[in-house]
Amino acid sequence: MLMASELILFVLVVFAINLLPAFGPPTWSIIVVAGLNTQIPYPVLVVCGAAAAASGRFALATVFRFWGSRISERLRGNLAAAKEAFEEKRRNWLLGLGLFALSPLPSAQLFAAAGMAGVRLLPFTLAFFAGRLVSYSIYAGSAHLIESYSMGDAFREVLTSPLAIVVQVALLAGLAILPRIDWARLLGRQQESDGNSGE
């Protein structure tokens, strides 16, 4: 009964952290905390952690999709152009899936951007889940090298690391700029440039 309660609490914490658009501790650190301080086996933590993280990111993207539908018509048009440009080539999908599965960058802003642009979320969520199964397993496998680790340590690393702060702020800035770019005009210019270079 105790382990079941601990697992439920762990899943809720991971889900909530992955709802944050920025400055949340990485899920692997929560898995390490739970592994060191509860009776839950690491394989269970890895699978449940990856599922809760993917669900949280999917929910985050859904919130941004709703927000994207409430902005001005001009900004919605920019996002629609970005979506059309992304979805028209299979290579873009493959690169996107690889980015969501393997990228070392914070994933919150990636999901927020995908939600805002209105692209299909399920393929990216599944890629994220598969990638996190691998990375969380690696972290869990090395957790025995850590003598002690707390939730406070996890948050402190995110909120006091200059590099982490710069990366998060830069990604948030990119997210704010995304709908303001006239993608149709920008990509149209690129197409014209490509056409002229081929003459």
N, C-alpha and C. Protein backbone atom coordinates (compact mmCIF):
# COMPACT_ATOMS: atom_id res chain seq x y z
N MET A 1 0.83 -1.21 0.00
CA MET A 1 0.00 0.00 0.00
C MET A 1 0.86 1.25 0.00
N LEU A 2 1.95 1.24 0.79
CA LEU A 2 2.84 2.38 0.86
C LEU A 2 3.49 2.64 -0.50
N MET A 3 3.96 1.57 -1.14
CA MET A 3 4.62 1.74 -2.42
C MET A 3 3.65 2.26 -3.48
N ALA A 4 2.38 1.81 -3.42
CA ALA A 4 1.38 2.30 -4.36
C ALA A 4 1.14 3.79 -4.17
N SER A 5 1.08 4.23 -2.92
CA SER A 5 0.88 5.65 -2.64
C SER A 5 2.07 6.46 -3.11
N GLU A 6 3.27 5.92 -2.90
CA GLU A 6 4.47 6.61 -3.35
C GLU A 6 4.50 6.72 -4.87
N LEU A 7 4.06 5.67 -5.55
CA LEU A 7 4.06 5.68 -7.01
C LEU A 7 3.06 6.69 -7.56
N ILE A 8 1.88 6.74 -6.95
CA ILE A 8 0.88 7.72 -7.38
C ILE A 8 1.41 9.15 -7.20
N LEU A 9 2.02 9.40 -6.05
CA LEU A 9 2.59 10.73 -5.79
C LEU A 9 3.69 11.05 -6.81
N PHE A 10 4.54 10.07 -7.09
CA PHE A 10 5.61 10.25 -8.06
C PHE A 10 5.06 10.61 -9.44
N VAL A 11 4.05 9.88 -9.89
CA VAL A 11 3.45 10.14 -11.21
C VAL A 11 2.84 11.54 -11.26
N LEU A 12 2.15 11.94 -10.19
CA LEU A 12 1.53 13.27 -10.16
C LEU A 12 2.58 14.38 -10.19
N VAL A 13 3.67 14.17 -9.44
CA VAL A 13 4.74 15.17 -9.43
C VAL A 13 5.38 15.31 -10.82
N VAL A 14 5.68 14.18 -11.45
CA VAL A 14 6.30 14.21 -12.78
C VAL A 14 5.35 14.85 -13.79
N PHE A 15 4.08 14.50 -13.74
CA PHE A 15 3.10 15.09 -14.65
C PHE A 15 3.03 16.60 -14.45
N ALA A 16 2.97 17.04 -13.20
CA ALA A 16 2.86 18.48 -12.91
C ALA A 16 4.10 19.24 -13.38
N ILE A 17 5.27 18.66 -13.14
CA ILE A 17 6.51 19.33 -13.55
C ILE A 17 6.58 19.47 -15.06
N ASN A 18 6.08 18.49 -15.77
CA ASN A 18 6.12 18.55 -17.23
C ASN A 18 5.01 19.41 -17.82
N LEU A 19 4.15 19.94 -16.98
CA LEU A 19 3.19 20.95 -17.42
C LEU A 19 3.82 22.34 -17.44
N LEU A 20 4.95 22.50 -16.76
CA LEU A 20 5.60 23.81 -16.69
C LEU A 20 6.20 24.17 -18.05
N PRO A 21 5.98 25.39 -18.52
CA PRO A 21 6.56 25.79 -19.81
C PRO A 21 8.05 26.13 -19.72
N ALA A 22 8.57 26.26 -18.50
CA ALA A 22 10.00 26.57 -18.34
C ALA A 22 10.39 26.39 -16.88
N PHE A 23 11.69 26.20 -16.67
CA PHE A 23 12.31 26.18 -15.34
C PHE A 23 11.83 25.03 -14.44
N GLY A 24 11.36 23.96 -15.04
CA GLY A 24 11.06 22.76 -14.25
C GLY A 24 12.28 21.86 -14.22
N PRO A 25 12.51 21.15 -13.13
CA PRO A 25 13.65 20.23 -13.08
C PRO A 25 13.46 19.08 -14.05
N PRO A 26 14.54 18.52 -14.58
CA PRO A 26 14.40 17.39 -15.51
C PRO A 26 13.80 16.17 -14.81
N THR A 27 13.02 15.42 -15.57
CA THR A 27 12.33 14.26 -14.98
C THR A 27 13.32 13.23 -14.45
N TRP A 28 14.48 13.10 -15.09
CA TRP A 28 15.44 12.10 -14.62
C TRP A 28 15.85 12.39 -13.18
N SER A 29 15.91 13.68 -12.80
CA SER A 29 16.30 14.01 -11.43
C SER A 29 15.22 13.60 -10.44
N ILE A 30 13.95 13.67 -10.85
CA ILE A 30 12.86 13.22 -9.99
C ILE A 30 12.89 11.70 -9.85
N ILE A 31 13.25 11.02 -10.92
CA ILE A 31 13.38 9.55 -10.86
C ILE A 31 14.49 9.17 -9.88
N VAL A 32 15.61 9.89 -9.93
CA VAL A 32 16.71 9.60 -9.01
C VAL A 32 16.27 9.86 -7.57
N VAL A 33 15.58 10.98 -7.34
CA VAL A 33 15.08 11.29 -5.99
C VAL A 33 14.17 10.18 -5.48
N ALA A 34 13.23 9.76 -6.32
CA ALA A 34 12.30 8.70 -5.92
C ALA A 34 13.02 7.38 -5.69
N GLY A 35 14.00 7.08 -6.53
CA GLY A 35 14.74 5.83 -6.37
C GLY A 35 15.53 5.77 -5.09
N LEU A 36 16.05 6.92 -4.67
CA LEU A 36 16.86 6.96 -3.45
C LEU A 36 16.02 7.04 -2.18
N ASN A 37 14.77 7.49 -2.31
CA ASN A 37 13.98 7.78 -1.11
C ASN A 37 12.69 6.99 -1.00
N THR A 38 12.42 6.09 -1.94
CA THR A 38 11.22 5.27 -1.86
C THR A 38 11.59 3.80 -2.11
N GLN A 39 10.58 2.94 -2.03
CA GLN A 39 10.79 1.52 -2.27
C GLN A 39 10.44 1.11 -3.70
N ILE A 40 10.14 2.07 -4.55
CA ILE A 40 9.71 1.76 -5.92
C ILE A 40 10.91 1.31 -6.75
N PRO A 41 10.84 0.18 -7.42
CA PRO A 41 11.95 -0.29 -8.26
C PRO A 41 12.22 0.68 -9.42
N TYR A 42 13.47 0.79 -9.79
CA TYR A 42 13.83 1.73 -10.86
C TYR A 42 13.13 1.44 -12.18
N PRO A 43 12.98 0.18 -12.61
CA PRO A 43 12.26 -0.06 -13.88
C PRO A 43 10.84 0.52 -13.87
N VAL A 44 10.18 0.41 -12.74
CA VAL A 44 8.82 0.97 -12.63
C VAL A 44 8.89 2.50 -12.70
N LEU A 45 9.86 3.08 -12.03
CA LEU A 45 10.02 4.54 -12.07
C LEU A 45 10.30 5.03 -13.48
N VAL A 46 11.12 4.30 -14.21
CA VAL A 46 11.47 4.72 -15.57
C VAL A 46 10.24 4.70 -16.48
N VAL A 47 9.49 3.59 -16.48
CA VAL A 47 8.33 3.47 -17.36
C VAL A 47 7.24 4.46 -16.96
N CYS A 48 6.92 4.51 -15.68
CA CYS A 48 5.86 5.42 -15.22
C CYS A 48 6.30 6.88 -15.36
N GLY A 49 7.59 7.13 -15.13
CA GLY A 49 8.10 8.49 -15.29
C GLY A 49 8.03 8.96 -16.73
N ALA A 50 8.41 8.09 -17.66
CA ALA A 50 8.35 8.45 -19.09
C ALA A 50 6.91 8.68 -19.53
N ALA A 51 5.99 7.82 -19.05
CA ALA A 51 4.58 7.98 -19.42
C ALA A 51 4.00 9.26 -18.84
N ALA A 52 4.32 9.56 -17.58
CA ALA A 52 3.80 10.77 -16.94
C ALA A 52 4.39 12.02 -17.59
N ALA A 53 5.69 11.96 -17.93
CA ALA A 53 6.34 13.10 -18.58
C ALA A 53 5.72 13.36 -19.96
N ALA A 54 5.52 12.30 -20.73
CA ALA A 54 4.92 12.45 -22.06
C ALA A 54 3.50 12.99 -21.95
N SER A 55 2.74 12.50 -20.96
CA SER A 55 1.37 12.99 -20.78
C SER A 55 1.36 14.46 -20.39
N GLY A 56 2.29 14.85 -19.52
CA GLY A 56 2.38 16.25 -19.12
C GLY A 56 2.73 17.16 -20.28
N ARG A 57 3.69 16.73 -21.10
CA ARG A 57 4.07 17.53 -22.27
C ARG A 57 2.92 17.61 -23.28
N PHE A 58 2.20 16.52 -23.47
CA PHE A 58 1.05 16.54 -24.37
C PHE A 58 0.01 17.53 -23.88
N ALA A 59 -0.24 17.53 -22.56
CA ALA A 59 -1.20 18.48 -21.99
C ALA A 59 -0.71 19.91 -22.15
N LEU A 60 0.59 20.14 -21.95
CA LEU A 60 1.17 21.47 -22.14
C LEU A 60 0.96 21.94 -23.57
N ALA A 61 1.25 21.07 -24.55
CA ALA A 61 1.07 21.43 -25.96
C ALA A 61 -0.39 21.73 -26.26
N THR A 62 -1.30 20.98 -25.63
CA THR A 62 -2.73 21.20 -25.85
C THR A 62 -3.16 22.57 -25.33
N VAL A 63 -2.61 22.97 -24.19
CA VAL A 63 -2.91 24.31 -23.66
C VAL A 63 -2.43 25.38 -24.64
N PHE A 64 -1.23 25.22 -25.17
CA PHE A 64 -0.70 26.20 -26.12
C PHE A 64 -1.47 26.17 -27.44
N ARG A 65 -2.00 25.01 -27.81
CA ARG A 65 -2.83 24.94 -29.01
C ARG A 65 -4.10 25.77 -28.80
N PHE A 66 -4.70 25.67 -27.63
CA PHE A 66 -5.88 26.47 -27.32
C PHE A 66 -5.53 27.96 -27.34
N TRP A 67 -4.39 28.31 -26.73
CA TRP A 67 -3.96 29.70 -26.72
C TRP A 67 -3.72 30.20 -28.15
N GLY A 68 -3.14 29.34 -28.98
CA GLY A 68 -2.88 29.73 -30.36
C GLY A 68 -4.14 30.01 -31.14
N SER A 69 -5.26 29.39 -30.73
CA SER A 69 -6.52 29.63 -31.43
C SER A 69 -7.19 30.92 -30.96
N ARG A 70 -6.65 31.56 -29.92
CA ARG A 70 -7.27 32.75 -29.37
C ARG A 70 -6.53 34.03 -29.75
N ILE A 71 -5.40 33.92 -30.43
CA ILE A 71 -4.63 35.10 -30.78
C ILE A 71 -5.21 35.74 -32.04
N SER A 72 -4.63 36.85 -32.46
CA SER A 72 -5.18 37.59 -33.60
C SER A 72 -5.12 36.77 -34.89
N GLU A 73 -5.96 37.16 -35.85
CA GLU A 73 -6.03 36.44 -37.12
C GLU A 73 -4.69 36.47 -37.85
N ARG A 74 -3.98 37.60 -37.76
CA ARG A 74 -2.69 37.71 -38.44
C ARG A 74 -1.69 36.71 -37.87
N LEU A 75 -1.63 36.61 -36.55
CA LEU A 75 -0.70 35.68 -35.92
C LEU A 75 -1.09 34.24 -36.19
N ARG A 76 -2.40 33.97 -36.22
CA ARG A 76 -2.84 32.61 -36.56
C ARG A 76 -2.44 32.26 -37.99
N GLY A 77 -2.51 33.25 -38.88
CA GLY A 77 -2.09 33.01 -40.26
C GLY A 77 -0.61 32.68 -40.35
N ASN A 78 0.20 33.36 -39.54
CA ASN A 78 1.64 33.07 -39.51
C ASN A 78 1.90 31.65 -39.04
N LEU A 79 1.19 31.23 -38.00
CA LEU A 79 1.36 29.87 -37.48
C LEU A 79 0.88 28.83 -38.49
N ALA A 80 -0.21 29.14 -39.19
CA ALA A 80 -0.72 28.20 -40.20
C ALA A 80 0.29 28.03 -41.33
N ALA A 81 0.97 29.11 -41.70
CA ALA A 81 1.99 29.02 -42.75
C ALA A 81 3.17 28.19 -42.28
N ALA A 82 3.54 28.35 -41.00
CA ALA A 82 4.64 27.56 -40.45
C ALA A 82 4.27 26.08 -40.43
N LYS A 83 3.04 25.78 -40.03
CA LYS A 83 2.57 24.39 -40.00
C LYS A 83 2.59 23.78 -41.40
N GLU A 84 2.08 24.53 -42.39
CA GLU A 84 2.02 24.03 -43.77
C GLU A 84 3.43 23.74 -44.30
N ALA A 85 4.35 24.65 -44.00
CA ALA A 85 5.73 24.46 -44.48
C ALA A 85 6.37 23.25 -43.83
N PHE A 86 6.05 23.04 -42.56
CA PHE A 86 6.65 21.90 -41.85
C PHE A 86 6.09 20.58 -42.36
N GLU A 87 4.78 20.52 -42.58
CA GLU A 87 4.13 19.25 -42.89
C GLU A 87 4.25 18.83 -44.35
N GLU A 88 4.71 19.72 -45.21
CA GLU A 88 4.72 19.37 -46.63
C GLU A 88 5.87 18.46 -47.03
N LYS A 89 6.87 18.32 -46.17
CA LYS A 89 8.01 17.46 -46.50
C LYS A 89 8.17 16.37 -45.45
N ARG A 90 8.34 15.14 -45.91
CA ARG A 90 8.51 14.01 -45.01
C ARG A 90 9.79 14.16 -44.18
N ARG A 91 10.81 14.77 -44.78
CA ARG A 91 12.08 14.96 -44.07
C ARG A 91 11.88 15.79 -42.82
N ASN A 92 11.00 16.79 -42.90
CA ASN A 92 10.74 17.63 -41.74
C ASN A 92 10.16 16.81 -40.60
N TRP A 93 9.25 15.88 -40.93
CA TRP A 93 8.66 15.02 -39.90
C TRP A 93 9.72 14.15 -39.24
N LEU A 94 10.60 13.58 -40.05
CA LEU A 94 11.64 12.71 -39.50
C LEU A 94 12.59 13.49 -38.60
N LEU A 95 12.96 14.69 -39.02
CA LEU A 95 13.83 15.54 -38.20
C LEU A 95 13.12 15.94 -36.91
N GLY A 96 11.82 16.23 -37.03
CA GLY A 96 11.05 16.61 -35.85
C GLY A 96 10.95 15.48 -34.85
N LEU A 97 10.68 14.28 -35.34
CA LEU A 97 10.59 13.13 -34.44
C LEU A 97 11.93 12.88 -33.75
N GLY A 98 13.03 13.00 -34.51
CA GLY A 98 14.35 12.82 -33.91
C GLY A 98 14.63 13.88 -32.87
N LEU A 99 14.20 15.11 -33.14
CA LEU A 99 14.43 16.19 -32.19
C LEU A 99 13.69 15.94 -30.88
N PHE A 100 12.44 15.52 -30.97
CA PHE A 100 11.65 15.27 -29.77
C PHE A 100 12.16 14.06 -29.00
N ALA A 101 12.71 13.08 -29.71
CA ALA A 101 13.18 11.86 -29.05
C ALA A 101 14.55 12.02 -28.43
N LEU A 102 15.44 12.78 -29.11
CA LEU A 102 16.85 12.74 -28.73
C LEU A 102 17.44 14.08 -28.33
N SER A 103 16.72 15.17 -28.51
CA SER A 103 17.31 16.49 -28.28
C SER A 103 17.70 16.69 -26.81
N PRO A 104 18.91 17.22 -26.56
CA PRO A 104 19.31 17.53 -25.18
C PRO A 104 18.70 18.84 -24.68
N LEU A 105 18.06 19.59 -25.58
CA LEU A 105 17.44 20.86 -25.19
C LEU A 105 16.18 20.59 -24.37
N PRO A 106 15.77 21.55 -23.52
CA PRO A 106 14.51 21.40 -22.79
C PRO A 106 13.35 21.17 -23.75
N SER A 107 12.50 20.22 -23.42
CA SER A 107 11.44 19.83 -24.35
C SER A 107 10.17 20.65 -24.18
N ALA A 108 10.04 21.40 -23.09
CA ALA A 108 8.79 22.13 -22.84
C ALA A 108 8.49 23.10 -23.98
N GLN A 109 9.51 23.86 -24.40
CA GLN A 109 9.28 24.85 -25.44
C GLN A 109 9.04 24.19 -26.81
N LEU A 110 9.62 23.01 -27.03
CA LEU A 110 9.35 22.28 -28.27
C LEU A 110 7.88 21.89 -28.35
N PHE A 111 7.34 21.37 -27.26
CA PHE A 111 5.93 20.98 -27.24
C PHE A 111 5.02 22.20 -27.32
N ALA A 112 5.42 23.28 -26.65
CA ALA A 112 4.61 24.50 -26.71
C ALA A 112 4.54 25.02 -28.14
N ALA A 113 5.68 25.00 -28.84
CA ALA A 113 5.71 25.47 -30.23
C ALA A 113 4.87 24.56 -31.13
N ALA A 114 4.98 23.25 -30.92
CA ALA A 114 4.19 22.31 -31.73
C ALA A 114 2.71 22.51 -31.48
N GLY A 115 2.34 22.74 -30.23
CA GLY A 115 0.93 22.98 -29.91
C GLY A 115 0.43 24.27 -30.54
N MET A 116 1.22 25.33 -30.44
CA MET A 116 0.83 26.61 -31.01
C MET A 116 0.66 26.53 -32.52
N ALA A 117 1.56 25.80 -33.17
CA ALA A 117 1.51 25.70 -34.63
C ALA A 117 0.39 24.78 -35.10
N GLY A 118 -0.13 23.95 -34.20
CA GLY A 118 -1.25 23.09 -34.56
C GLY A 118 -0.86 21.81 -35.28
N VAL A 119 0.42 21.40 -35.18
CA VAL A 119 0.82 20.15 -35.82
C VAL A 119 0.32 18.97 -35.00
N ARG A 120 0.31 17.80 -35.61
CA ARG A 120 -0.16 16.61 -34.90
C ARG A 120 0.77 16.30 -33.72
N LEU A 121 0.21 16.13 -32.56
CA LEU A 121 1.00 15.99 -31.34
C LEU A 121 1.34 14.53 -31.01
N LEU A 122 0.47 13.61 -31.37
CA LEU A 122 0.67 12.22 -30.93
C LEU A 122 1.99 11.63 -31.41
N PRO A 123 2.38 11.78 -32.69
CA PRO A 123 3.67 11.21 -33.13
C PRO A 123 4.85 11.76 -32.33
N PHE A 124 4.85 13.06 -32.05
CA PHE A 124 5.95 13.66 -31.30
C PHE A 124 5.94 13.20 -29.85
N THR A 125 4.74 13.01 -29.29
CA THR A 125 4.64 12.53 -27.92
C THR A 125 5.16 11.11 -27.79
N LEU A 126 4.84 10.27 -28.76
CA LEU A 126 5.33 8.89 -28.74
C LEU A 126 6.85 8.84 -28.92
N ALA A 127 7.37 9.71 -29.79
CA ALA A 127 8.83 9.78 -29.97
C ALA A 127 9.50 10.25 -28.69
N PHE A 128 8.90 11.22 -28.05
CA PHE A 128 9.41 11.73 -26.77
C PHE A 128 9.42 10.61 -25.72
N PHE A 129 8.33 9.86 -25.65
CA PHE A 129 8.22 8.75 -24.69
C PHE A 129 9.30 7.71 -24.94
N ALA A 130 9.49 7.33 -26.20
CA ALA A 130 10.50 6.31 -26.52
C ALA A 130 11.90 6.80 -26.18
N GLY A 131 12.19 8.03 -26.53
CA GLY A 131 13.51 8.58 -26.22
C GLY A 131 13.76 8.68 -24.72
N ARG A 132 12.72 9.05 -23.98
CA ARG A 132 12.89 9.18 -22.53
C ARG A 132 13.03 7.82 -21.84
N LEU A 133 12.44 6.79 -22.39
CA LEU A 133 12.65 5.46 -21.83
C LEU A 133 14.13 5.11 -21.83
N VAL A 134 14.81 5.47 -22.91
CA VAL A 134 16.24 5.17 -23.02
C VAL A 134 17.05 6.05 -22.07
N SER A 135 16.82 7.36 -22.13
CA SER A 135 17.64 8.28 -21.32
C SER A 135 17.39 8.09 -19.82
N TYR A 136 16.14 7.88 -19.44
CA TYR A 136 15.84 7.66 -18.02
C TYR A 136 16.45 6.36 -17.52
N SER A 137 16.50 5.35 -18.36
CA SER A 137 17.12 4.08 -17.97
C SER A 137 18.60 4.28 -17.69
N ILE A 138 19.25 5.12 -18.51
CA ILE A 138 20.67 5.39 -18.30
C ILE A 138 20.89 6.11 -16.97
N TYR A 139 20.09 7.12 -16.72
CA TYR A 139 20.22 7.85 -15.46
C TYR A 139 19.92 6.95 -14.26
N ALA A 140 18.87 6.12 -14.38
CA ALA A 140 18.52 5.22 -13.29
C ALA A 140 19.64 4.21 -13.03
N GLY A 141 20.29 3.77 -14.11
CA GLY A 141 21.37 2.81 -13.96
C GLY A 141 22.58 3.37 -13.24
N SER A 142 22.76 4.69 -13.31
CA SER A 142 23.91 5.30 -12.64
C SER A 142 23.53 5.93 -11.30
N ALA A 143 22.28 5.79 -10.89
CA ALA A 143 21.82 6.43 -9.65
C ALA A 143 22.53 5.89 -8.41
N HIS A 144 23.01 4.65 -8.49
CA HIS A 144 23.68 4.07 -7.33
C HIS A 144 24.98 4.80 -6.99
N LEU A 145 25.48 5.61 -7.93
CA LEU A 145 26.71 6.36 -7.68
C LEU A 145 26.45 7.60 -6.83
N ILE A 146 25.17 7.95 -6.65
CA ILE A 146 24.80 9.15 -5.89
C ILE A 146 24.39 8.74 -4.48
N GLU A 147 25.00 9.35 -3.48
CA GLU A 147 24.70 8.99 -2.10
C GLU A 147 23.41 9.64 -1.61
N SER A 148 23.18 10.88 -2.00
CA SER A 148 21.96 11.57 -1.56
C SER A 148 21.57 12.60 -2.60
N TYR A 149 20.26 12.80 -2.77
CA TYR A 149 19.75 13.75 -3.74
C TYR A 149 18.31 14.05 -3.35
N SER A 150 17.94 15.33 -3.36
CA SER A 150 16.60 15.71 -2.93
C SER A 150 15.90 16.52 -4.01
N MET A 151 14.59 16.74 -3.81
CA MET A 151 13.82 17.55 -4.74
C MET A 151 14.37 18.98 -4.76
N GLY A 152 14.79 19.45 -3.60
CA GLY A 152 15.38 20.78 -3.53
C GLY A 152 16.63 20.89 -4.38
N ASP A 153 17.45 19.84 -4.37
CA ASP A 153 18.65 19.83 -5.21
C ASP A 153 18.27 19.94 -6.69
N ALA A 154 17.21 19.24 -7.09
CA ALA A 154 16.79 19.23 -8.49
C ALA A 154 16.36 20.63 -8.93
N PHE A 155 15.55 21.30 -8.11
CA PHE A 155 15.09 22.65 -8.46
C PHE A 155 16.25 23.65 -8.39
N ARG A 156 17.13 23.47 -7.42
CA ARG A 156 18.25 24.41 -7.25
C ARG A 156 19.16 24.40 -8.47
N GLU A 157 19.38 23.23 -9.04
CA GLU A 157 20.25 23.13 -10.22
C GLU A 157 19.67 23.90 -11.40
N VAL A 158 18.34 23.84 -11.56
CA VAL A 158 17.70 24.53 -12.68
C VAL A 158 17.68 26.04 -12.47
N LEU A 159 17.44 26.47 -11.23
CA LEU A 159 17.22 27.89 -10.96
C LEU A 159 18.49 28.66 -10.66
N THR A 160 19.62 27.97 -10.48
CA THR A 160 20.86 28.67 -10.16
C THR A 160 21.95 28.49 -11.22
N SER A 161 21.73 27.62 -12.19
CA SER A 161 22.72 27.41 -13.25
C SER A 161 22.61 28.52 -14.29
N PRO A 162 23.65 29.33 -14.49
CA PRO A 162 23.58 30.40 -15.49
C PRO A 162 23.27 29.87 -16.89
N LEU A 163 23.90 28.75 -17.26
CA LEU A 163 23.67 28.19 -18.59
C LEU A 163 22.22 27.76 -18.76
N ALA A 164 21.67 27.09 -17.74
CA ALA A 164 20.28 26.62 -17.82
C ALA A 164 19.33 27.80 -17.93
N ILE A 165 19.61 28.87 -17.20
CA ILE A 165 18.74 30.05 -17.25
C ILE A 165 18.80 30.71 -18.62
N VAL A 166 20.01 30.85 -19.17
CA VAL A 166 20.15 31.47 -20.49
C VAL A 166 19.42 30.65 -21.55
N VAL A 167 19.57 29.33 -21.51
CA VAL A 167 18.91 28.47 -22.51
C VAL A 167 17.40 28.59 -22.40
N GLN A 168 16.88 28.55 -21.17
CA GLN A 168 15.43 28.63 -20.98
C GLN A 168 14.88 29.96 -21.46
N VAL A 169 15.57 31.05 -21.12
CA VAL A 169 15.11 32.38 -21.53
C VAL A 169 15.15 32.52 -23.05
N ALA A 170 16.22 32.00 -23.67
CA ALA A 170 16.35 32.07 -25.13
C ALA A 170 15.23 31.29 -25.81
N LEU A 171 14.91 30.12 -25.29
CA LEU A 171 13.84 29.31 -25.89
C LEU A 171 12.48 29.96 -25.70
N LEU A 172 12.26 30.58 -24.54
CA LEU A 172 11.00 31.29 -24.31
C LEU A 172 10.87 32.48 -25.27
N ALA A 173 11.98 33.17 -25.49
CA ALA A 173 11.97 34.29 -26.43
C ALA A 173 11.63 33.80 -27.84
N GLY A 174 12.23 32.67 -28.23
CA GLY A 174 11.92 32.10 -29.54
C GLY A 174 10.46 31.71 -29.66
N LEU A 175 9.91 31.20 -28.56
CA LEU A 175 8.50 30.80 -28.55
C LEU A 175 7.60 32.03 -28.72
N ALA A 176 7.98 33.14 -28.09
CA ALA A 176 7.19 34.37 -28.20
C ALA A 176 7.26 34.97 -29.60
N ILE A 177 8.41 34.80 -30.26
CA ILE A 177 8.61 35.37 -31.60
C ILE A 177 7.94 34.53 -32.67
N LEU A 178 7.82 33.22 -32.44
CA LEU A 178 7.33 32.28 -33.46
C LEU A 178 6.08 32.75 -34.19
N PRO A 179 5.01 33.14 -33.48
CA PRO A 179 3.80 33.54 -34.22
C PRO A 179 3.89 34.92 -34.87
N ARG A 180 4.93 35.66 -34.54
CA ARG A 180 5.07 37.02 -35.08
C ARG A 180 5.86 37.05 -36.39
N ILE A 181 6.44 35.92 -36.75
CA ILE A 181 7.18 35.85 -38.01
C ILE A 181 6.21 35.60 -39.16
N ASP A 182 6.35 36.36 -40.21
CA ASP A 182 5.53 36.17 -41.41
C ASP A 182 6.14 35.01 -42.21
N TRP A 183 5.75 33.79 -41.84
CA TRP A 183 6.37 32.60 -42.43
C TRP A 183 6.06 32.49 -43.92
N ALA A 184 4.86 32.87 -44.33
CA ALA A 184 4.51 32.76 -45.75
C ALA A 184 5.42 33.65 -46.58
N ARG A 185 5.64 34.86 -46.12
CA ARG A 185 6.51 35.78 -46.85
C ARG A 185 7.96 35.31 -46.81
N LEU A 186 8.39 34.89 -45.62
CA LEU A 186 9.78 34.45 -45.47
C LEU A 186 10.07 33.24 -46.34
N LEU A 187 9.19 32.25 -46.29
CA LEU A 187 9.41 31.04 -47.08
C LEU A 187 9.18 31.28 -48.56
N GLY A 188 8.30 32.23 -48.88
CA GLY A 188 8.10 32.59 -50.28
C GLY A 188 9.35 33.19 -50.87
N ARG A 189 9.99 34.04 -50.08
CA ARG A 189 11.26 34.62 -50.52
C ARG A 189 12.30 33.54 -50.72
N GLN A 190 12.29 32.56 -49.82
CA GLN A 190 13.27 31.48 -49.94
C GLN A 190 13.04 30.68 -51.20
N GLN A 191 11.75 30.43 -51.51
CA GLN A 191 11.42 29.67 -52.71
C GLN A 191 11.84 30.43 -53.97
N GLU A 192 11.60 31.79 -53.93
CA GLU A 192 12.00 32.60 -55.08
C GLU A 192 13.51 32.58 -55.27
N SER A 193 14.22 32.63 -54.11
CA SER A 193 15.68 32.60 -54.17
C SER A 193 16.17 31.28 -54.74
N ASP A 194 15.49 30.19 -54.33
CA ASP A 194 15.87 28.87 -54.85
C ASP A 194 15.60 28.80 -56.35
N GLY A 195 14.46 29.39 -56.78
CA GLY A 195 14.12 29.34 -58.19
C GLY A 195 15.10 30.13 -59.03
N ASN A 196 15.51 31.31 -58.51
CA ASN A 196 16.46 32.13 -59.25
C ASN A 196 17.82 31.48 -59.34
N SER A 197 18.21 30.78 -58.29
CA SER A 197 19.53 30.15 -58.29
C SER A 197 19.59 28.99 -59.26
N GLY A 198 18.40 28.43 -59.62
CA GLY A 198 18.39 27.30 -60.52
C GLY A 198 18.36 27.71 -61.98
N GLU A 199 18.20 29.03 -62.25
CA GLU A 199 18.13 29.47 -63.64
C GLU A 199 19.50 29.46 -64.31
